[in-house]
Amino acid sequence: MTDMAAGPIGGEGGGLVYVVDDDPDLGAAVARLLCRHGHVAKPFLDPAPLLDVYADAPAHCIVTDVMMGDIDGFDFADRVRIADPAVAIVFMTAWPTTANAVDSVRRYGGLDYLEKPIDEDRLIAAVGEGVAWSKVQQAALARTATLTPRQRQVFDLLVKGHNNQAIAASLDISPKTVEDHRAAIVAKTGTNGIAQLIALAR
């Protein structure tokens, strides 16, 4: 890909992006390209150091090579998703296979699987989509983070289509208690009705 100079960082729609590739030149070039398009992008040569510090600075999107050292891109994706289910992941590889392309989406939740040399337009589009998706996920998680454990149980059953009586029986509580929990859930999440709760859960 073309190695472009870094431009302004930030901007509307931008996000924090980590680029993980054991080729330092490529990783730095991808990071600079993304910076030019409004993101804050930081390259890493190895996923292990990133995993060590990730909890303190979670990203909106991670662009990661598949073939690396002790931790490959798919293993890395599994580990980072445990820490952050709201991060978007874009895979890239110099050795593409159909099986890996399918796995990258179905098993590891990748937004895209890019072949090196990287198509810049496709990369920019994938990262932009990933950042937007992540921001929605982070907002949804924040809105449900204040629910008590019992409210979370009621919320999970509500969005699966259970009515008050079924929830009461499942949790061994009264329908009136379910009603109270529903009111608290609506107030805490700022939703208006079951349709918005379902959309929030998705």
Protein backbone atom coordinates (compact mmCIF):
# COMPACT_ATOMS: atom_id res chain seq x y z
CA MET A 1 0.00 0.00 0.00
CA THR A 2 1.05 3.61 -0.41
CA ASP A 3 2.94 5.08 2.56
CA MET A 4 1.32 8.44 3.18
CA ALA A 5 2.27 11.12 5.68
CA ALA A 6 0.15 11.54 8.76
CA GLY A 7 -2.48 14.24 8.67
CA PRO A 8 -4.94 15.65 11.18
CA ILE A 9 -6.06 13.23 13.88
CA GLY A 10 -9.60 13.06 15.17
CA GLY A 11 -12.60 14.49 13.45
CA GLU A 12 -16.24 13.53 13.25
CA GLY A 13 -16.73 9.80 12.93
CA GLY A 14 -13.14 9.00 13.88
CA GLY A 15 -12.18 6.48 16.51
CA LEU A 16 -9.29 4.82 18.28
CA VAL A 17 -7.83 2.08 16.08
CA TYR A 18 -5.01 -0.35 16.84
CA VAL A 19 -3.04 -1.88 13.97
CA VAL A 20 -1.32 -5.18 14.81
CA ASP A 21 1.23 -6.50 12.32
CA ASP A 22 4.71 -7.99 12.77
CA ASP A 23 5.85 -6.03 9.70
CA PRO A 24 6.73 -2.65 11.26
CA ASP A 25 6.68 -0.75 7.95
CA LEU A 26 3.24 -2.03 6.97
CA GLY A 27 1.79 -1.48 10.42
CA ALA A 28 3.07 2.07 10.54
CA ALA A 29 1.82 2.78 7.00
CA VAL A 30 -1.68 1.50 7.81
CA ALA A 31 -1.75 3.60 10.99
CA ARG A 32 -0.69 6.73 9.11
CA LEU A 33 -3.32 6.16 6.44
CA LEU A 34 -6.03 5.81 9.06
CA CYS A 35 -4.83 8.95 10.84
CA ARG A 36 -5.22 10.86 7.58
CA HIS A 37 -8.86 9.79 7.57
CA GLY A 38 -9.69 11.13 11.00
CA HIS A 39 -8.82 8.22 13.29
CA VAL A 40 -6.32 7.95 16.12
CA ALA A 41 -4.34 4.91 14.99
CA LYS A 42 -1.49 3.21 16.82
CA PRO A 43 0.65 0.33 15.46
CA PHE A 44 1.72 -2.72 17.49
CA LEU A 45 4.24 -5.35 16.36
CA ASP A 46 2.88 -8.04 18.68
CA PRO A 47 -0.62 -8.60 20.11
CA ALA A 48 0.70 -9.62 23.56
CA PRO A 49 1.73 -6.10 24.71
CA LEU A 50 -1.57 -4.72 23.41
CA LEU A 51 -3.52 -7.29 25.43
CA ASP A 52 -1.58 -6.23 28.52
CA VAL A 53 -2.69 -2.60 28.25
CA TYR A 54 -5.99 -2.97 26.41
CA ALA A 55 -8.26 -2.67 29.46
CA ASP A 56 -6.91 0.82 30.14
CA ALA A 57 -7.47 2.05 26.57
CA PRO A 58 -10.08 0.00 24.68
CA ALA A 59 -10.33 0.70 20.95
CA HIS A 60 -13.24 1.13 18.58
CA CYS A 61 -11.56 -1.03 15.93
CA ILE A 62 -8.56 -3.33 15.60
CA VAL A 63 -6.89 -4.10 12.28
CA THR A 64 -4.85 -7.26 12.74
CA ASP A 65 -2.69 -9.54 10.65
CA VAL A 66 -3.70 -13.22 10.74
CA MET A 67 -0.26 -14.88 10.54
CA MET A 68 1.92 -13.72 13.44
CA GLY A 69 4.10 -15.28 16.14
CA ASP A 70 2.95 -16.95 19.35
CA ILE A 71 -0.53 -15.40 19.13
CA ASP A 72 -2.09 -15.41 15.67
CA GLY A 73 -4.78 -12.98 14.60
CA PHE A 74 -7.68 -15.33 15.30
CA ASP A 75 -6.42 -16.26 18.77
CA PHE A 76 -5.90 -12.56 19.44
CA ALA A 77 -9.47 -11.82 18.35
CA ASP A 78 -10.83 -14.42 20.76
CA ARG A 79 -8.84 -12.95 23.64
CA VAL A 80 -9.65 -9.31 22.99
CA ARG A 81 -13.38 -10.00 22.62
CA ILE A 82 -13.43 -11.42 26.15
CA ALA A 83 -12.15 -8.07 27.38
CA ASP A 84 -14.23 -5.96 24.99
CA PRO A 85 -17.26 -7.32 23.10
CA ALA A 86 -17.85 -3.87 21.58
CA VAL A 87 -14.62 -3.68 19.55
CA ALA A 88 -14.76 -4.18 15.77
CA ILE A 89 -12.07 -6.35 14.16
CA VAL A 90 -10.72 -6.26 10.60
CA PHE A 91 -8.37 -9.05 9.53
CA MET A 92 -5.62 -8.79 6.91
CA THR A 93 -3.29 -11.43 5.51
CA ALA A 94 -0.69 -12.09 2.83
CA TRP A 95 -1.82 -15.74 2.66
CA PRO A 96 -5.59 -15.68 2.08
CA THR A 97 -7.63 -18.87 2.06
CA THR A 98 -11.36 -19.39 1.61
CA ALA A 99 -11.56 -21.27 4.92
CA ASN A 100 -9.91 -18.44 6.83
CA ALA A 101 -12.08 -15.87 5.09
CA VAL A 102 -15.22 -17.71 6.22
CA ASP A 103 -13.87 -18.26 9.75
CA SER A 104 -12.86 -14.62 10.10
CA VAL A 105 -16.51 -13.59 9.83
CA ARG A 106 -18.48 -16.56 11.19
CA ARG A 107 -16.23 -17.70 14.05
CA TYR A 108 -14.32 -14.56 14.97
CA GLY A 109 -16.79 -11.79 14.16
CA GLY A 110 -14.55 -9.91 11.74
CA LEU A 111 -16.04 -7.14 9.63
CA ASP A 112 -13.71 -7.83 6.72
CA TYR A 113 -10.84 -10.06 5.60
CA LEU A 114 -8.37 -8.08 3.52
CA GLU A 115 -5.66 -9.45 1.29
CA LYS A 116 -2.21 -7.84 1.22
CA PRO A 117 -1.22 -5.61 -0.47
CA ILE A 118 -4.09 -3.77 1.17
CA ASP A 119 -6.81 -2.10 -0.88
CA GLU A 120 -6.79 1.31 0.82
CA ASP A 121 -10.38 2.24 -0.05
CA ARG A 122 -11.69 -1.07 1.26
CA LEU A 123 -9.63 -0.74 4.44
CA ILE A 124 -10.88 2.79 5.09
CA ALA A 125 -14.48 1.73 4.50
CA ALA A 126 -14.15 -1.31 6.78
CA VAL A 127 -12.57 0.68 9.61
CA GLY A 128 -15.17 3.43 9.27
CA GLU A 129 -17.96 0.87 9.49
CA GLY A 130 -16.24 -0.80 12.42
CA VAL A 131 -15.83 2.43 14.38
CA ALA A 132 -19.48 3.38 13.84
CA TRP A 133 -20.65 -0.10 14.92
CA SER A 134 -18.43 -0.04 18.00
CA LYS A 135 -19.73 3.35 19.13
CA VAL A 136 -23.30 2.03 18.95
CA GLN A 137 -22.31 -1.08 20.92
CA GLN A 138 -20.49 0.96 23.56
CA ALA A 139 -23.50 3.22 24.00
CA ALA A 140 -25.80 0.20 24.38
CA LEU A 141 -23.51 -1.39 26.96
CA ALA A 142 -23.33 1.87 28.89
CA ARG A 143 -27.13 2.11 29.00
CA THR A 144 -27.48 -1.39 30.44
CA ALA A 145 -24.43 -1.28 32.73
CA THR A 146 -26.41 0.27 35.60
CA LEU A 147 -28.98 -2.54 35.73
CA THR A 148 -28.92 -4.64 38.88
CA PRO A 149 -28.36 -8.41 38.43
CA ARG A 150 -32.10 -9.05 38.86
CA GLN A 151 -33.01 -6.26 36.43
CA ARG A 152 -30.58 -7.78 33.94
CA GLN A 153 -32.34 -11.14 34.27
CA VAL A 154 -35.70 -9.49 33.63
CA PHE A 155 -34.25 -7.50 30.72
CA ASP A 156 -32.80 -10.64 29.08
CA LEU A 157 -36.16 -12.44 29.32
CA LEU A 158 -38.11 -9.42 28.10
CA VAL A 159 -36.07 -9.06 24.93
CA LYS A 160 -36.56 -12.78 24.23
CA GLY A 161 -40.31 -12.18 24.10
CA HIS A 162 -41.41 -13.45 27.52
CA ASN A 163 -44.41 -11.77 29.15
CA ASN A 164 -44.63 -10.70 32.79
CA GLN A 165 -46.26 -13.92 33.95
CA ALA A 166 -43.64 -16.09 32.26
CA ILE A 167 -40.80 -13.98 33.68
CA ALA A 168 -42.31 -14.14 37.16
CA ALA A 169 -42.56 -17.92 36.98
CA SER A 170 -39.04 -18.27 35.58
CA LEU A 171 -37.46 -16.08 38.29
CA ASP A 172 -39.81 -17.16 41.10
CA ILE A 173 -41.00 -13.62 41.78
CA SER A 174 -44.42 -11.96 41.60
CA PRO A 175 -45.76 -10.31 38.42
CA LYS A 176 -45.92 -7.04 40.39
CA THR A 177 -42.18 -7.30 41.09
CA VAL A 178 -41.61 -7.89 37.38
CA GLU A 179 -43.61 -4.73 36.64
CA ASP A 180 -41.43 -2.78 39.08
CA HIS A 181 -38.27 -4.10 37.45
CA ARG A 182 -39.60 -3.26 33.99
CA ALA A 183 -40.25 0.33 35.06
CA ALA A 184 -36.73 0.61 36.47
CA ILE A 185 -35.22 -0.88 33.29
CA VAL A 186 -37.08 1.59 31.07
CA ALA A 187 -36.00 4.50 33.25
CA LYS A 188 -32.33 3.46 33.39
CA THR A 189 -32.01 2.71 29.68
CA GLY A 190 -34.04 5.66 28.45
CA THR A 191 -36.16 3.42 26.25
CA ASN A 192 -39.86 3.59 25.48
CA GLY A 193 -41.38 0.17 25.14
CA ILE A 194 -40.33 -3.36 24.33
CA ALA A 195 -39.35 -2.61 20.73
CA GLN A 196 -36.66 -0.18 21.85
CA LEU A 197 -35.46 -2.64 24.51
CA ILE A 198 -35.06 -5.32 21.85
CA ALA A 199 -33.18 -2.89 19.61
CA LEU A 200 -30.91 -2.02 22.54
CA ALA A 201 -30.17 -5.69 23.19
CA ARG A 202 -29.17 -6.21 19.56
